[in-house]
Amino acid sequence: MKTEPMRQPSLSLYLHIPFCRHRCSYCDFNTYTSLSSLQADYATALAAEVAQAGELARVHHGHKPAAHTLFFGGGTPSLMTPPQLAQILTAVSHNFTLHPAAEIS
């Protein structure tokens, strides 16, 4: 009997950024238009959550998990400052391996 080699499960990461300049009438996502003062704290909390998820995945899989996709959604992720995005992306890179051909959007 021919057996398939074990494949590492495909992992996708979705990071929600709930900040918007204005609320679109059609949007059903969890978003906020008047809380931009919380963006720095949110980036710190999201980075901590990414680290926790990475630790749980390492315990479960026995190694640093690999992600094939990284999606930023919301909200309007581009409202985050470059240092805030860097903080989040640093947490991702420390806790997950991004596949060389990963889709990042």
PDB file of N, CA and C in Angstrom:
ATOM      1  N   MET A   1       0.842  -1.168   0.000  1.00  0.00           N
ATOM      2  CA  MET A   1       0.000   0.000   0.000  1.00  0.00           C
ATOM      3  C   MET A   1       0.897   1.245   0.000  1.00  0.00           C
ATOM      4  N   LYS A   2       0.634   2.143  -0.928  1.00  0.00           N
ATOM      5  CA  LYS A   2       1.409   3.374  -1.034  1.00  0.00           C
ATOM      6  C   LYS A   2       0.837   4.409  -0.067  1.00  0.00           C
ATOM      7  N   THR A   3       1.721   5.021   0.698  1.00  0.00           N
ATOM      8  CA  THR A   3       1.251   6.050   1.633  1.00  0.00           C
ATOM      9  C   THR A   3       1.801   7.405   1.220  1.00  0.00           C
ATOM     10  N   GLU A   4       1.015   8.406   1.456  1.00  0.00           N
ATOM     11  CA  GLU A   4       1.423   9.786   1.186  1.00  0.00           C
ATOM     12  C   GLU A   4       2.328  10.263   2.319  1.00  0.00           C
ATOM     13  N   PRO A   5       3.349  11.040   2.014  1.00  0.00           N
ATOM     14  CA  PRO A   5       4.154  11.607   3.101  1.00  0.00           C
ATOM     15  C   PRO A   5       3.310  12.589   3.910  1.00  0.00           C
ATOM     16  N   MET A   6       3.599  12.658   5.201  1.00  0.00           N
ATOM     17  CA  MET A   6       2.865  13.603   6.048  1.00  0.00           C
ATOM     18  C   MET A   6       3.192  15.019   5.624  1.00  0.00           C
ATOM     19  N   ARG A   7       2.171  15.808   5.463  1.00  0.00           N
ATOM     20  CA  ARG A   7       2.365  17.208   5.114  1.00  0.00           C
ATOM     21  C   ARG A   7       2.079  18.075   6.322  1.00  0.00           C
ATOM     22  N   GLN A   8       2.827  19.134   6.386  1.00  0.00           N
ATOM     23  CA  GLN A   8       2.576  20.103   7.445  1.00  0.00           C
ATOM     24  C   GLN A   8       1.261  20.804   7.119  1.00  0.00           C
ATOM     25  N   PRO A   9       0.377  20.960   8.108  1.00  0.00           N
ATOM     26  CA  PRO A   9      -0.893  21.614   7.819  1.00  0.00           C
ATOM     27  C   PRO A   9      -0.677  23.060   7.377  1.00  0.00           C
ATOM     28  N   SER A  10      -1.504  23.476   6.445  1.00  0.00           N
ATOM     29  CA  SER A  10      -1.441  24.855   5.975  1.00  0.00           C
ATOM     30  C   SER A  10      -2.039  25.763   7.038  1.00  0.00           C
ATOM     31  N   LEU A  11      -1.347  26.822   7.339  1.00  0.00           N
ATOM     32  CA  LEU A  11      -1.788  27.740   8.382  1.00  0.00           C
ATOM     33  C   LEU A  11      -1.963  29.119   7.776  1.00  0.00           C
ATOM     34  N   SER A  12      -3.091  29.736   8.065  1.00  0.00           N
ATOM     35  CA  SER A  12      -3.350  31.107   7.638  1.00  0.00           C
ATOM     36  C   SER A  12      -3.513  31.970   8.873  1.00  0.00           C
ATOM     37  N   LEU A  13      -2.960  33.167   8.816  1.00  0.00           N
ATOM     38  CA  LEU A  13      -3.092  34.113   9.924  1.00  0.00           C
ATOM     39  C   LEU A  13      -3.964  35.273   9.469  1.00  0.00           C
ATOM     40  N   TYR A  14      -4.955  35.622  10.283  1.00  0.00           N
ATOM     41  CA  TYR A  14      -5.792  36.792  10.032  1.00  0.00           C
ATOM     42  C   TYR A  14      -5.631  37.719  11.230  1.00  0.00           C
ATOM     43  N   LEU A  15      -5.207  38.936  10.979  1.00  0.00           N
ATOM     44  CA  LEU A  15      -5.012  39.918  12.043  1.00  0.00           C
ATOM     45  C   LEU A  15      -5.988  41.065  11.812  1.00  0.00           C
ATOM     46  N   HIS A  16      -6.882  41.260  12.765  1.00  0.00           N
ATOM     47  CA  HIS A  16      -7.948  42.251  12.621  1.00  0.00           C
ATOM     48  C   HIS A  16      -7.506  43.601  13.174  1.00  0.00           C
ATOM     49  N   ILE A  17      -7.622  44.615  12.356  1.00  0.00           N
ATOM     50  CA  ILE A  17      -7.322  45.994  12.751  1.00  0.00           C
ATOM     51  C   ILE A  17      -8.650  46.750  12.703  1.00  0.00           C
ATOM     52  N   PRO A  18      -9.247  47.076  13.842  1.00  0.00           N
ATOM     53  CA  PRO A  18     -10.632  47.567  13.854  1.00  0.00           C
ATOM     54  C   PRO A  18     -10.815  49.072  13.685  1.00  0.00           C
ATOM     55  N   PHE A  19      -9.795  49.781  13.228  1.00  0.00           N
ATOM     56  CA  PHE A  19      -9.888  51.244  13.171  1.00  0.00           C
ATOM     57  C   PHE A  19     -10.243  51.725  11.766  1.00  0.00           C
ATOM     58  N   CYS A  20     -11.139  52.717  11.706  1.00  0.00           N
ATOM     59  CA  CYS A  20     -11.577  53.316  10.442  1.00  0.00           C
ATOM     60  C   CYS A  20     -11.703  54.821  10.613  1.00  0.00           C
ATOM     61  N   ARG A  21     -11.588  55.530   9.498  1.00  0.00           N
ATOM     62  CA  ARG A  21     -11.840  56.978   9.533  1.00  0.00           C
ATOM     63  C   ARG A  21     -13.333  57.254   9.623  1.00  0.00           C
ATOM     64  N   HIS A  22     -14.117  56.463   8.891  1.00  0.00           N
ATOM     65  CA  HIS A  22     -15.572  56.583   8.969  1.00  0.00           C
ATOM     66  C   HIS A  22     -16.182  55.200   8.783  1.00  0.00           C
ATOM     67  N   ARG A  23     -17.370  55.039   9.279  1.00  0.00           N
ATOM     68  CA  ARG A  23     -18.071  53.755   9.221  1.00  0.00           C
ATOM     69  C   ARG A  23     -18.860  53.670   7.918  1.00  0.00           C
ATOM     70  N   CYS A  24     -18.568  52.679   7.104  1.00  0.00           N
ATOM     71  CA  CYS A  24     -19.301  52.482   5.853  1.00  0.00           C
ATOM     72  C   CYS A  24     -20.656  51.847   6.160  1.00  0.00           C
ATOM     73  N   SER A  25     -21.669  52.266   5.458  1.00  0.00           N
ATOM     74  CA  SER A  25     -23.030  51.796   5.748  1.00  0.00           C
ATOM     75  C   SER A  25     -23.194  50.294   5.533  1.00  0.00           C
ATOM     76  N   TYR A  26     -22.410  49.699   4.661  1.00  0.00           N
ATOM     77  CA  TYR A  26     -22.536  48.282   4.349  1.00  0.00           C
ATOM     78  C   TYR A  26     -21.662  47.385   5.229  1.00  0.00           C
ATOM     79  N   CYS A  27     -20.818  47.963   6.064  1.00  0.00           N
ATOM     80  CA  CYS A  27     -19.824  47.188   6.812  1.00  0.00           C
ATOM     81  C   CYS A  27     -20.433  46.531   8.048  1.00  0.00           C
ATOM     82  N   ASP A  28     -20.206  45.216   8.169  1.00  0.00           N
ATOM     83  CA  ASP A  28     -20.657  44.464   9.340  1.00  0.00           C
ATOM     84  C   ASP A  28     -19.496  44.068  10.249  1.00  0.00           C
ATOM     85  N   PHE A  29     -18.300  44.548   9.943  1.00  0.00           N
ATOM     86  CA  PHE A  29     -17.137  44.170  10.734  1.00  0.00           C
ATOM     87  C   PHE A  29     -17.049  44.976  12.027  1.00  0.00           C
ATOM     88  N   ASN A  30     -16.312  44.442  12.968  1.00  0.00           N
ATOM     89  CA  ASN A  30     -16.075  45.115  14.240  1.00  0.00           C
ATOM     90  C   ASN A  30     -15.085  46.246  13.993  1.00  0.00           C
ATOM     91  N   THR A  31     -15.605  47.478  13.876  1.00  0.00           N
ATOM     92  CA  THR A  31     -14.753  48.627  13.590  1.00  0.00           C
ATOM     93  C   THR A  31     -15.135  49.806  14.471  1.00  0.00           C
ATOM     94  N   TYR A  32     -14.167  50.715  14.637  1.00  0.00           N
ATOM     95  CA  TYR A  32     -14.371  51.901  15.471  1.00  0.00           C
ATOM     96  C   TYR A  32     -13.811  53.122  14.751  1.00  0.00           C
ATOM     97  N   THR A  33     -14.546  54.216  14.816  1.00  0.00           N
ATOM     98  CA  THR A  33     -14.117  55.431  14.125  1.00  0.00           C
ATOM     99  C   THR A  33     -13.562  56.486  15.072  1.00  0.00           C
ATOM    100  N   SER A  34     -13.764  56.337  16.349  1.00  0.00           N
ATOM    101  CA  SER A  34     -13.350  57.402  17.275  1.00  0.00           C
ATOM    102  C   SER A  34     -12.368  56.916  18.340  1.00  0.00           C
ATOM    103  N   LEU A  35     -11.689  55.822  18.070  1.00  0.00           N
ATOM    104  CA  LEU A  35     -10.784  55.262  19.075  1.00  0.00           C
ATOM    105  C   LEU A  35      -9.335  55.199  18.593  1.00  0.00           C
ATOM    106  N   SER A  36      -8.957  56.099  17.705  1.00  0.00           N
ATOM    107  CA  SER A  36      -7.589  56.054  17.182  1.00  0.00           C
ATOM    108  C   SER A  36      -6.544  56.221  18.283  1.00  0.00           C
ATOM    109  N   SER A  37      -6.941  56.802  19.404  1.00  0.00           N
ATOM    110  CA  SER A  37      -6.002  56.958  20.524  1.00  0.00           C
ATOM    111  C   SER A  37      -5.590  55.608  21.114  1.00  0.00           C
ATOM    112  N   LEU A  38      -6.327  54.557  20.771  1.00  0.00           N
ATOM    113  CA  LEU A  38      -6.018  53.221  21.298  1.00  0.00           C
ATOM    114  C   LEU A  38      -5.152  52.387  20.351  1.00  0.00           C
ATOM    115  N   GLN A  39      -4.781  52.941  19.215  1.00  0.00           N
ATOM    116  CA  GLN A  39      -4.054  52.151  18.226  1.00  0.00           C
ATOM    117  C   GLN A  39      -2.739  51.593  18.759  1.00  0.00           C
ATOM    118  N   ALA A  40      -1.974  52.384  19.482  1.00  0.00           N
ATOM    119  CA  ALA A  40      -0.681  51.903  19.998  1.00  0.00           C
ATOM    120  C   ALA A  40      -0.890  50.766  20.993  1.00  0.00           C
ATOM    121  N   ASP A  41      -1.857  50.927  21.893  1.00  0.00           N
ATOM    122  CA  ASP A  41      -2.153  49.857  22.853  1.00  0.00           C
ATOM    123  C   ASP A  41      -2.673  48.616  22.133  1.00  0.00           C
ATOM    124  N   TYR A  42      -3.470  48.826  21.090  1.00  0.00           N
ATOM    125  CA  TYR A  42      -4.006  47.700  20.331  1.00  0.00           C
ATOM    126  C   TYR A  42      -2.871  46.937  19.644  1.00  0.00           C
ATOM    127  N   ALA A  43      -1.917  47.662  19.061  1.00  0.00           N
ATOM    128  CA  ALA A  43      -0.780  47.007  18.408  1.00  0.00           C
ATOM    129  C   ALA A  43      -0.002  46.157  19.408  1.00  0.00           C
ATOM    130  N   THR A  44       0.192  46.669  20.611  1.00  0.00           N
ATOM    131  CA  THR A  44       0.893  45.920  21.657  1.00  0.00           C
ATOM    132  C   THR A  44       0.105  44.675  22.044  1.00  0.00           C
ATOM    133  N   ALA A  45      -1.200  44.823  22.213  1.00  0.00           N
ATOM    134  CA  ALA A  45      -2.048  43.684  22.586  1.00  0.00           C
ATOM    135  C   ALA A  45      -2.091  42.647  21.467  1.00  0.00           C
ATOM    136  N   LEU A  46      -2.181  43.106  20.222  1.00  0.00           N
ATOM    137  CA  LEU A  46      -2.218  42.173  19.100  1.00  0.00           C
ATOM    138  C   LEU A  46      -0.893  41.426  18.973  1.00  0.00           C
ATOM    139  N   ALA A  47       0.217  42.111  19.164  1.00  0.00           N
ATOM    140  CA  ALA A  47       1.526  41.451  19.127  1.00  0.00           C
ATOM    141  C   ALA A  47       1.624  40.389  20.224  1.00  0.00           C
ATOM    142  N   ALA A  48       1.101  40.691  21.405  1.00  0.00           N
ATOM    143  CA  ALA A  48       1.107  39.712  22.503  1.00  0.00           C
ATOM    144  C   ALA A  48       0.225  38.514  22.164  1.00  0.00           C
ATOM    145  N   GLU A  49      -0.905  38.763  21.522  1.00  0.00           N
ATOM    146  CA  GLU A  49      -1.795  37.659  21.144  1.00  0.00           C
ATOM    147  C   GLU A  49      -1.154  36.784  20.067  1.00  0.00           C
ATOM    148  N   VAL A  50      -0.455  37.403  19.134  1.00  0.00           N
ATOM    149  CA  VAL A  50       0.275  36.640  18.118  1.00  0.00           C
ATOM    150  C   VAL A  50       1.322  35.752  18.792  1.00  0.00           C
ATOM    151  N   ALA A  51       2.041  36.288  19.769  1.00  0.00           N
ATOM    152  CA  ALA A  51       3.048  35.503  20.496  1.00  0.00           C
ATOM    153  C   ALA A  51       2.405  34.332  21.227  1.00  0.00           C
ATOM    154  N   GLN A  52       1.269  34.571  21.847  1.00  0.00           N
ATOM    155  CA  GLN A  52       0.568  33.499  22.559  1.00  0.00           C
ATOM    156  C   GLN A  52       0.092  32.424  21.584  1.00  0.00           C
ATOM    157  N   ALA A  53      -0.453  32.832  20.445  1.00  0.00           N
ATOM    158  CA  ALA A  53      -0.906  31.859  19.450  1.00  0.00           C
ATOM    159  C   ALA A  53       0.269  31.052  18.910  1.00  0.00           C
ATOM    160  N   GLY A  54       1.401  31.715  18.701  1.00  0.00           N
ATOM    161  CA  GLY A  54       2.588  31.006  18.238  1.00  0.00           C
ATOM    162  C   GLY A  54       3.073  29.988  19.248  1.00  0.00           C
ATOM    163  N   GLU A  55       3.048  30.346  20.518  1.00  0.00           N
ATOM    164  CA  GLU A  55       3.461  29.416  21.580  1.00  0.00           C
ATOM    165  C   GLU A  55       2.527  28.209  21.631  1.00  0.00           C
ATOM    166  N   LEU A  56       1.239  28.443  21.550  1.00  0.00           N
ATOM    167  CA  LEU A  56       0.280  27.330  21.556  1.00  0.00           C
ATOM    168  C   LEU A  56       0.495  26.420  20.354  1.00  0.00           C
ATOM    169  N   ALA A  57       0.751  27.012  19.194  1.00  0.00           N
ATOM    170  CA  ALA A  57       0.989  26.209  17.998  1.00  0.00           C
ATOM    171  C   ALA A  57       2.287  25.418  18.123  1.00  0.00           C
ATOM    172  N   ARG A  58       3.328  26.020  18.710  1.00  0.00           N
ATOM    173  CA  ARG A  58       4.596  25.292  18.916  1.00  0.00           C
ATOM    174  C   ARG A  58       4.392  24.101  19.844  1.00  0.00           C
ATOM    175  N   VAL A  59       3.630  24.304  20.901  1.00  0.00           N
ATOM    176  CA  VAL A  59       3.354  23.199  21.828  1.00  0.00           C
ATOM    177  C   VAL A  59       2.592  22.095  21.101  1.00  0.00           C
ATOM    178  N   HIS A  60       1.621  22.476  20.298  1.00  0.00           N
ATOM    179  CA  HIS A  60       0.790  21.490  19.597  1.00  0.00           C
ATOM    180  C   HIS A  60       1.570  20.753  18.510  1.00  0.00           C
ATOM    181  N   HIS A  61       2.357  21.492  17.714  1.00  0.00           N
ATOM    182  CA  HIS A  61       3.047  20.890  16.575  1.00  0.00           C
ATOM    183  C   HIS A  61       4.479  20.471  16.882  1.00  0.00           C
ATOM    184  N   GLY A  62       5.052  20.976  17.963  1.00  0.00           N
ATOM    185  CA  GLY A  62       6.421  20.628  18.310  1.00  0.00           C
ATOM    186  C   GLY A  62       7.478  21.449  17.592  1.00  0.00           C
ATOM    187  N   HIS A  63       7.068  22.449  16.845  1.00  0.00           N
ATOM    188  CA  HIS A  63       8.016  23.316  16.140  1.00  0.00           C
ATOM    189  C   HIS A  63       7.325  24.631  15.810  1.00  0.00           C
ATOM    190  N   LYS A  64       8.126  25.572  15.353  1.00  0.00           N
ATOM    191  CA  LYS A  64       7.590  26.876  14.959  1.00  0.00           C
ATOM    192  C   LYS A  64       6.686  26.681  13.742  1.00  0.00           C
ATOM    193  N   PRO A  65       5.419  27.041  13.843  1.00  0.00           N
ATOM    194  CA  PRO A  65       4.491  26.779  12.746  1.00  0.00           C
ATOM    195  C   PRO A  65       4.754  27.674  11.534  1.00  0.00           C
ATOM    196  N   ALA A  66       4.463  27.128  10.357  1.00  0.00           N
ATOM    197  CA  ALA A  66       4.637  27.866   9.107  1.00  0.00           C
ATOM    198  C   ALA A  66       3.288  28.362   8.608  1.00  0.00           C
ATOM    199  N   ALA A  67       3.249  29.611   8.197  1.00  0.00           N
ATOM    200  CA  ALA A  67       2.023  30.203   7.662  1.00  0.00           C
ATOM    201  C   ALA A  67       2.186  30.433   6.164  1.00  0.00           C
ATOM    202  N   HIS A  68       1.131  30.127   5.427  1.00  0.00           N
ATOM    203  CA  HIS A  68       1.133  30.340   3.983  1.00  0.00           C
ATOM    204  C   HIS A  68       0.407  31.618   3.589  1.00  0.00           C
ATOM    205  N   THR A  69      -0.358  32.168   4.522  1.00  0.00           N
ATOM    206  CA  THR A  69      -1.053  33.426   4.261  1.00  0.00           C
ATOM    207  C   THR A  69      -1.050  34.281   5.521  1.00  0.00           C
ATOM    208  N   LEU A  70      -0.973  35.579   5.310  1.00  0.00           N
ATOM    209  CA  LEU A  70      -1.077  36.558   6.385  1.00  0.00           C
ATOM    210  C   LEU A  70      -1.986  37.665   5.880  1.00  0.00           C
ATOM    211  N   PHE A  71      -3.166  37.745   6.470  1.00  0.00           N
ATOM    212  CA  PHE A  71      -4.153  38.733   6.051  1.00  0.00           C
ATOM    213  C   PHE A  71      -4.361  39.761   7.148  1.00  0.00           C
ATOM    214  N   PHE A  72      -4.305  41.019   6.779  1.00  0.00           N
ATOM    215  CA  PHE A  72      -4.698  42.109   7.665  1.00  0.00           C
ATOM    216  C   PHE A  72      -6.085  42.539   7.222  1.00  0.00           C
ATOM    217  N   GLY A  73      -7.006  42.616   8.158  1.00  0.00           N
ATOM    218  CA  GLY A  73      -8.356  43.032   7.809  1.00  0.00           C
ATOM    219  C   GLY A  73      -8.894  43.994   8.824  1.00  0.00           C
ATOM    220  N   GLY A  74     -10.090  44.396   8.598  1.00  0.00           N
ATOM    221  CA  GLY A  74     -10.691  45.348   9.538  1.00  0.00           C
ATOM    222  C   GLY A  74     -11.972  45.904   8.983  1.00  0.00           C
ATOM    223  N   GLY A  75     -12.036  47.025   9.272  1.00  0.00           N
ATOM    224  CA  GLY A  75     -11.232  48.160   9.534  1.00  0.00           C
ATOM    225  C   GLY A  75     -10.350  48.550   8.339  1.00  0.00           C
ATOM    226  N   THR A  76      -9.475  49.469   8.653  1.00  0.00           N
ATOM    227  CA  THR A  76      -8.531  49.995   7.677  1.00  0.00           C
ATOM    228  C   THR A  76      -7.120  49.815   8.235  1.00  0.00           C
ATOM    229  N   PRO A  77      -6.485  48.677   7.930  1.00  0.00           N
ATOM    230  CA  PRO A  77      -5.158  48.412   8.477  1.00  0.00           C
ATOM    231  C   PRO A  77      -4.135  49.500   8.154  1.00  0.00           C
ATOM    232  N   SER A  78      -4.308  50.190   7.041  1.00  0.00           N
ATOM    233  CA  SER A  78      -3.330  51.215   6.663  1.00  0.00           C
ATOM    234  C   SER A  78      -3.376  52.442   7.571  1.00  0.00           C
ATOM    235  N   LEU A  79      -4.330  52.502   8.494  1.00  0.00           N
ATOM    236  CA  LEU A  79      -4.348  53.588   9.473  1.00  0.00           C
ATOM    237  C   LEU A  79      -3.319  53.379  10.582  1.00  0.00           C
ATOM    238  N   MET A  80      -2.814  52.167  10.723  1.00  0.00           N
ATOM    239  CA  MET A  80      -1.779  51.908  11.720  1.00  0.00           C
ATOM    240  C   MET A  80      -0.490  52.584  11.260  1.00  0.00           C
ATOM    241  N   THR A  81       0.282  53.082  12.207  1.00  0.00           N
ATOM    242  CA  THR A  81       1.541  53.735  11.858  1.00  0.00           C
ATOM    243  C   THR A  81       2.582  52.678  11.475  1.00  0.00           C
ATOM    244  N   PRO A  82       3.612  53.059  10.728  1.00  0.00           N
ATOM    245  CA  PRO A  82       4.665  52.088  10.407  1.00  0.00           C
ATOM    246  C   PRO A  82       5.270  51.423  11.651  1.00  0.00           C
ATOM    247  N   PRO A  83       5.567  52.153  12.745  1.00  0.00           N
ATOM    248  CA  PRO A  83       6.088  51.459  13.930  1.00  0.00           C
ATOM    249  C   PRO A  83       5.088  50.457  14.524  1.00  0.00           C
ATOM    250  N   GLN A  84       3.796  50.766  14.469  1.00  0.00           N
ATOM    251  CA  GLN A  84       2.792  49.835  14.987  1.00  0.00           C
ATOM    252  C   GLN A  84       2.746  48.575  14.126  1.00  0.00           C
ATOM    253  N   LEU A  85       2.767  48.747  12.804  1.00  0.00           N
ATOM    254  CA  LEU A  85       2.794  47.580  11.918  1.00  0.00           C
ATOM    255  C   LEU A  85       4.081  46.787  12.104  1.00  0.00           C
ATOM    256  N   ALA A  86       5.188  47.471  12.297  1.00  0.00           N
ATOM    257  CA  ALA A  86       6.464  46.779  12.531  1.00  0.00           C
ATOM    258  C   ALA A  86       6.403  45.944  13.802  1.00  0.00           C
ATOM    259  N   GLN A  87       5.783  46.476  14.842  1.00  0.00           N
ATOM    260  CA  GLN A  87       5.642  45.737  16.103  1.00  0.00           C
ATOM    261  C   GLN A  87       4.851  44.450  15.878  1.00  0.00           C
ATOM    262  N   ILE A  88       3.770  44.546  15.131  1.00  0.00           N
ATOM    263  CA  ILE A  88       2.930  43.377  14.855  1.00  0.00           C
ATOM    264  C   ILE A  88       3.678  42.382  13.971  1.00  0.00           C
ATOM    265  N   LEU A  89       4.318  42.868  12.915  1.00  0.00           N
ATOM    266  CA  LEU A  89       5.045  41.979  12.006  1.00  0.00           C
ATOM    267  C   LEU A  89       6.244  41.326  12.679  1.00  0.00           C
ATOM    268  N   THR A  90       6.876  42.018  13.604  1.00  0.00           N
ATOM    269  CA  THR A  90       7.971  41.421  14.372  1.00  0.00           C
ATOM    270  C   THR A  90       7.454  40.254  15.198  1.00  0.00           C
ATOM    271  N   ALA A  91       6.301  40.428  15.813  1.00  0.00           N
ATOM    272  CA  ALA A  91       5.703  39.329  16.586  1.00  0.00           C
ATOM    273  C   ALA A  91       5.387  38.146  15.682  1.00  0.00           C
ATOM    274  N   VAL A  92       4.881  38.422  14.484  1.00  0.00           N
ATOM    275  CA  VAL A  92       4.596  37.336  13.539  1.00  0.00           C
ATOM    276  C   VAL A  92       5.889  36.611  13.186  1.00  0.00           C
ATOM    277  N   SER A  93       6.938  37.352  12.833  1.00  0.00           N
ATOM    278  CA  SER A  93       8.180  36.706  12.396  1.00  0.00           C
ATOM    279  C   SER A  93       8.886  35.956  13.521  1.00  0.00           C
ATOM    280  N   HIS A  94       8.725  36.398  14.765  1.00  0.00           N
ATOM    281  CA  HIS A  94       9.340  35.688  15.889  1.00  0.00           C
ATOM    282  C   HIS A  94       8.592  34.413  16.255  1.00  0.00           C
ATOM    283  N   ASN A  95       7.317  34.344  15.909  1.00  0.00           N
ATOM    284  CA  ASN A  95       6.488  33.235  16.378  1.00  0.00           C
ATOM    285  C   ASN A  95       5.988  32.306  15.287  1.00  0.00           C
ATOM    286  N   PHE A  96       6.128  32.711  14.040  1.00  0.00           N
ATOM    287  CA  PHE A  96       5.692  31.894  12.911  1.00  0.00           C
ATOM    288  C   PHE A  96       6.742  31.997  11.815  1.00  0.00           C
ATOM    289  N   THR A  97       6.831  30.956  11.017  1.00  0.00           N
ATOM    290  CA  THR A  97       7.654  30.996   9.819  1.00  0.00           C
ATOM    291  C   THR A  97       6.727  31.312   8.661  1.00  0.00           C
ATOM    292  N   LEU A  98       7.016  32.379   7.926  1.00  0.00           N
ATOM    293  CA  LEU A  98       6.219  32.675   6.740  1.00  0.00           C
ATOM    294  C   LEU A  98       6.815  31.934   5.552  1.00  0.00           C
ATOM    295  N   HIS A  99       5.983  31.181   4.862  1.00  0.00           N
ATOM    296  CA  HIS A  99       6.407  30.472   3.666  1.00  0.00           C
ATOM    297  C   HIS A  99       6.987  31.492   2.683  1.00  0.00           C
ATOM    298  N   PRO A 100       8.060  31.147   1.955  1.00  0.00           N
ATOM    299  CA  PRO A 100       8.667  32.111   1.024  1.00  0.00           C
ATOM    300  C   PRO A 100       7.682  32.677  -0.002  1.00  0.00           C
ATOM    301  N   ALA A 101       6.681  31.902  -0.366  1.00  0.00           N
ATOM    302  CA  ALA A 101       5.685  32.371  -1.335  1.00  0.00           C
ATOM    303  C   ALA A 101       4.379  32.764  -0.642  1.00  0.00           C
ATOM    304  N   ALA A 102       4.463  33.111   0.620  1.00  0.00           N
ATOM    305  CA  ALA A 102       3.248  33.445   1.379  1.00  0.00           C
ATOM    306  C   ALA A 102       2.528  34.630   0.755  1.00  0.00           C
ATOM    307  N   GLU A 103       1.209  34.546   0.796  1.00  0.00           N
ATOM    308  CA  GLU A 103       0.387  35.679   0.374  1.00  0.00           C
ATOM    309  C   GLU A 103       0.218  36.585   1.582  1.00  0.00           C
ATOM    310  N   ILE A 104       0.583  37.838   1.428  1.00  0.00           N
ATOM    311  CA  ILE A 104       0.451  38.816   2.505  1.00  0.00           C
ATOM    312  C   ILE A 104      -0.371  39.970   1.961  1.00  0.00           C
ATOM    313  N   SER A 105      -1.482  40.219   2.616  1.00  0.00           N
ATOM    314  CA  SER A 105      -2.328  41.327   2.151  1.00  0.00           C
ATOM    315  C   SER A 105      -3.038  41.978   3.308  1.00  0.00           C
TER     316      SER A 105
END
